[in-house]
Amino acid sequence: MIVILTADIINSRKLPSKKWIDSLKTILNTIGKTPNDWEIYRGDEFQLEIKNPEQTLLIAFQLKAFFKSINLDLRMSFGFGDKTYKAKKITESNGTAFMHSGETFETLKKQKLNLAINSGNTIFDEEMNLILKLSLSFMDNWLPQAAEFVLIAIQNPTLSQEEIGVKLGINQAAVSRRQKRSNYELLLQVERYFREKIKTLEV
């Protein structure tokens, strides 16, 4: 089983692409290689293959935090399944993971949703999408400072609040406030719960 992420940047014209494209490529390069594993197309859309499904939400939260930290946002759909046709470019490959991702992506705007998953397993999808909807109720409202904290914390899971403060140029008390505002502990609980559930998923 693999996971295919289909995403587009909301209101991308608010910022010149040079403000975000290199940082986005840096994040995507930690997950795979272009154009085999990821590709940016039409200027503000991208597709990514996640080979380890357990990583899905950690990647979703990291991407969300990065864009919220620069006052933008992302629409993301994650399709779970297989890859039956492997092309040189991910955008030309195919399989159930691609179909699930594409189908859900097409519905996001209508649903006014920025994040959803589709594994083809109705019970799993309904439960996880409800949890993600609840999580979006605070993630969609992250201010840049809170989002920046989340991004650094996800990328550096072993750092203490003091060490994160050094990276952000703020004191430990300010780090603690950002952590609370971002609901970071709750985010990690959602991520851990997802990791347990995905182990039982058969698609």
Protein backbone atom coordinates (compact mmCIF):
# COMPACT_ATOMS: atom_id res chain seq x y z
CA MET A 1 0.00 0.00 0.00
CA ILE A 2 1.16 3.49 -0.87
CA VAL A 3 -0.37 6.94 -0.36
CA ILE A 4 -0.74 9.61 -3.04
CA LEU A 5 -1.09 13.23 -1.97
CA THR A 6 -2.74 15.64 -4.40
CA ALA A 7 -2.54 19.27 -3.26
CA ASP A 8 -2.99 22.82 -4.37
CA ILE A 9 -1.97 26.07 -2.72
CA ILE A 10 -4.93 28.26 -1.83
CA ASN A 11 -4.68 31.89 -3.03
CA SER A 12 -1.12 31.22 -4.19
CA ARG A 13 -1.12 34.54 -6.09
CA LYS A 14 -1.04 36.38 -2.76
CA LEU A 15 2.71 35.66 -2.64
CA PRO A 16 5.29 35.37 -5.43
CA SER A 17 6.24 31.72 -5.86
CA LYS A 18 9.88 32.48 -5.04
CA LYS A 19 8.72 33.03 -1.44
CA TRP A 20 7.67 29.40 -1.05
CA ILE A 21 8.85 27.18 -3.89
CA ASP A 22 12.38 26.45 -2.65
CA SER A 23 11.19 25.66 0.89
CA LEU A 24 8.44 23.41 -0.47
CA LYS A 25 10.98 21.57 -2.65
CA THR A 26 13.24 21.12 0.41
CA ILE A 27 10.39 19.48 2.35
CA LEU A 28 9.40 17.26 -0.60
CA ASN A 29 13.03 16.24 -1.14
CA THR A 30 13.12 14.78 2.38
CA ILE A 31 10.33 12.40 1.28
CA GLY A 32 11.32 11.45 -2.27
CA LYS A 33 12.87 12.49 -5.58
CA THR A 34 11.35 14.50 -8.41
CA PRO A 35 9.73 13.72 -10.86
CA ASN A 36 9.45 10.07 -9.82
CA ASP A 37 8.07 10.61 -6.28
CA TRP A 38 6.84 14.20 -6.46
CA GLU A 39 6.11 16.89 -9.00
CA ILE A 40 4.93 20.50 -8.91
CA TYR A 41 2.69 21.37 -11.86
CA ARG A 42 0.39 24.17 -13.07
CA GLY A 43 2.44 26.50 -10.89
CA ASP A 44 0.67 25.85 -7.60
CA GLU A 45 -0.36 22.18 -7.53
CA PHE A 46 1.72 19.18 -6.60
CA GLN A 47 1.54 15.43 -6.25
CA LEU A 48 3.59 13.28 -3.88
CA GLU A 49 3.96 9.55 -3.28
CA ILE A 50 4.32 8.48 0.35
CA LYS A 51 5.84 5.02 0.50
CA ASN A 52 5.23 4.57 4.24
CA PRO A 53 1.50 5.20 4.93
CA GLU A 54 2.18 5.67 8.66
CA GLN A 55 3.98 8.94 7.80
CA THR A 56 0.89 10.42 6.10
CA LEU A 57 -0.42 12.76 8.80
CA LEU A 58 3.03 13.89 9.92
CA ILE A 59 3.67 14.98 6.32
CA ALA A 60 0.21 16.59 6.07
CA PHE A 61 0.70 18.58 9.28
CA GLN A 62 4.22 19.64 8.26
CA LEU A 63 3.05 20.93 4.87
CA LYS A 64 0.05 22.68 6.44
CA ALA A 65 2.27 24.35 9.06
CA PHE A 66 4.78 25.52 6.45
CA PHE A 67 2.13 27.25 4.32
CA LYS A 68 0.28 28.72 7.32
CA SER A 69 3.62 30.11 8.57
CA ILE A 70 3.80 32.26 5.40
CA ASN A 71 0.10 33.24 5.45
CA LEU A 72 -0.99 30.78 2.76
CA ASP A 73 -2.90 27.50 3.01
CA LEU A 74 -3.18 24.14 1.28
CA ARG A 75 -5.94 21.89 0.01
CA MET A 76 -4.82 18.24 0.38
CA SER A 77 -6.29 14.83 -0.39
CA PHE A 78 -4.57 11.57 0.47
CA GLY A 79 -5.45 8.43 -1.48
CA PHE A 80 -4.47 5.01 -0.10
CA GLY A 81 -4.10 2.04 -2.42
CA ASP A 82 -1.72 0.59 -4.99
CA LYS A 83 0.29 1.75 -7.99
CA THR A 84 -0.41 -0.42 -11.02
CA TYR A 85 1.42 1.72 -13.57
CA LYS A 86 4.74 3.40 -12.80
CA ALA A 87 5.81 6.17 -15.17
CA LYS A 88 8.93 8.36 -15.01
CA LYS A 89 6.71 11.19 -13.77
CA ILE A 90 4.42 10.65 -10.81
CA THR A 91 1.68 12.66 -12.57
CA GLU A 92 1.59 10.01 -15.32
CA SER A 93 1.53 6.97 -12.99
CA ASN A 94 -1.70 5.20 -12.05
CA GLY A 95 -3.42 2.86 -9.59
CA THR A 96 -6.12 2.89 -6.91
CA ALA A 97 -4.09 5.27 -4.69
CA PHE A 98 -4.08 7.84 -7.52
CA MET A 99 -7.80 7.37 -8.21
CA HIS A 100 -8.75 7.68 -4.52
CA SER A 101 -6.62 10.82 -4.18
CA GLY A 102 -8.00 12.43 -7.35
CA GLU A 103 -11.65 11.63 -6.57
CA THR A 104 -11.43 13.16 -3.10
CA PHE A 105 -9.43 16.17 -4.30
CA GLU A 106 -12.25 17.07 -6.71
CA THR A 107 -14.74 17.25 -3.80
CA LEU A 108 -12.69 19.37 -1.37
CA LYS A 109 -13.67 22.79 -2.71
CA LYS A 110 -17.36 21.92 -2.71
CA GLN A 111 -17.13 20.62 0.86
CA LYS A 112 -15.12 23.71 1.90
CA LEU A 113 -12.54 21.30 3.32
CA ASN A 114 -8.76 21.59 3.22
CA LEU A 115 -7.82 18.02 4.15
CA ALA A 116 -9.37 14.59 3.61
CA ILE A 117 -8.33 10.99 3.08
CA ASN A 118 -9.75 8.19 0.94
CA SER A 119 -8.71 4.55 1.35
CA GLY A 120 -11.84 3.03 -0.14
CA ASN A 121 -12.59 1.60 3.34
CA THR A 122 -15.75 3.48 4.37
CA ILE A 123 -15.54 2.87 8.12
CA PHE A 124 -11.86 3.91 8.34
CA ASP A 125 -12.40 6.94 6.11
CA GLU A 126 -15.48 8.21 7.96
CA GLU A 127 -13.78 7.98 11.34
CA MET A 128 -10.47 9.54 10.29
CA ASN A 129 -12.10 12.29 8.23
CA LEU A 130 -14.26 13.27 11.18
CA ILE A 131 -11.16 13.52 13.39
CA LEU A 132 -9.37 15.53 10.67
CA LYS A 133 -12.35 17.88 10.33
CA LEU A 134 -12.20 18.56 14.07
CA SER A 135 -8.43 19.11 13.81
CA LEU A 136 -8.94 21.57 10.94
CA SER A 137 -11.15 23.65 13.23
CA PHE A 138 -7.93 24.87 14.88
CA MET A 139 -5.32 24.19 12.14
CA ASP A 140 -7.15 26.39 9.62
CA ASN A 141 -6.89 29.21 12.17
CA TRP A 142 -3.17 28.91 12.96
CA LEU A 143 -1.44 32.28 12.92
CA PRO A 144 2.03 32.35 11.30
CA GLN A 145 3.88 32.25 14.65
CA ALA A 146 1.99 29.18 15.91
CA ALA A 147 2.40 27.46 12.52
CA GLU A 148 6.13 28.21 12.52
CA PHE A 149 6.41 26.54 15.95
CA VAL A 150 4.56 23.44 14.68
CA LEU A 151 6.82 23.21 11.62
CA ILE A 152 10.04 23.37 13.69
CA ALA A 153 8.66 20.96 16.31
CA ILE A 154 7.65 18.35 13.70
CA GLN A 155 10.97 18.65 11.88
CA ASN A 156 12.96 18.47 15.14
CA PRO A 157 11.04 16.09 17.42
CA THR A 158 13.89 15.70 19.94
CA LEU A 159 14.37 19.42 20.64
CA SER A 160 13.34 20.90 24.00
CA GLN A 161 11.30 24.11 24.24
CA GLU A 162 14.52 26.01 25.03
CA GLU A 163 16.21 24.63 21.90
CA ILE A 164 13.19 25.44 19.74
CA GLY A 165 13.31 28.96 21.26
CA VAL A 166 16.91 29.35 20.08
CA LYS A 167 15.86 28.40 16.53
CA LEU A 168 12.94 30.86 16.63
CA GLY A 169 14.84 33.59 18.46
CA ILE A 170 12.37 33.68 21.37
CA ASN A 171 12.44 32.61 25.02
CA GLN A 172 11.08 29.35 26.43
CA ALA A 173 7.92 31.00 27.83
CA ALA A 174 7.04 32.32 24.35
CA VAL A 175 7.63 28.85 22.88
CA SER A 176 5.28 27.39 25.49
CA ARG A 177 2.57 29.94 24.56
CA ARG A 178 2.89 29.10 20.86
CA GLN A 179 2.71 25.41 21.63
CA LYS A 180 -0.55 25.91 23.55
CA ARG A 181 -2.04 28.18 20.88
CA SER A 182 -1.28 25.68 18.13
CA ASN A 183 -2.89 22.76 20.05
CA TYR A 184 0.31 20.87 19.30
CA GLU A 185 -0.20 18.14 21.93
CA LEU A 186 -3.65 17.36 20.50
CA LEU A 187 -2.16 17.27 17.00
CA LEU A 188 0.38 14.66 18.14
CA GLN A 189 -2.41 12.59 19.72
CA VAL A 190 -4.31 12.59 16.41
CA GLU A 191 -1.13 11.59 14.59
CA ARG A 192 -0.42 8.71 17.03
CA TYR A 193 -4.02 7.47 16.79
CA PHE A 194 -3.81 7.49 12.99
CA ARG A 195 -0.56 5.43 13.10
CA GLU A 196 -2.30 2.75 15.17
CA LYS A 197 -5.41 2.69 12.95
CA ILE A 198 -3.48 2.52 9.68
CA LYS A 199 -1.82 -0.73 10.80
CA THR A 200 -5.23 -2.42 10.71
CA LEU A 201 -6.25 -1.00 7.34
CA GLU A 202 -6.60 -3.33 4.39
CA VAL A 203 -7.26 -1.77 1.01
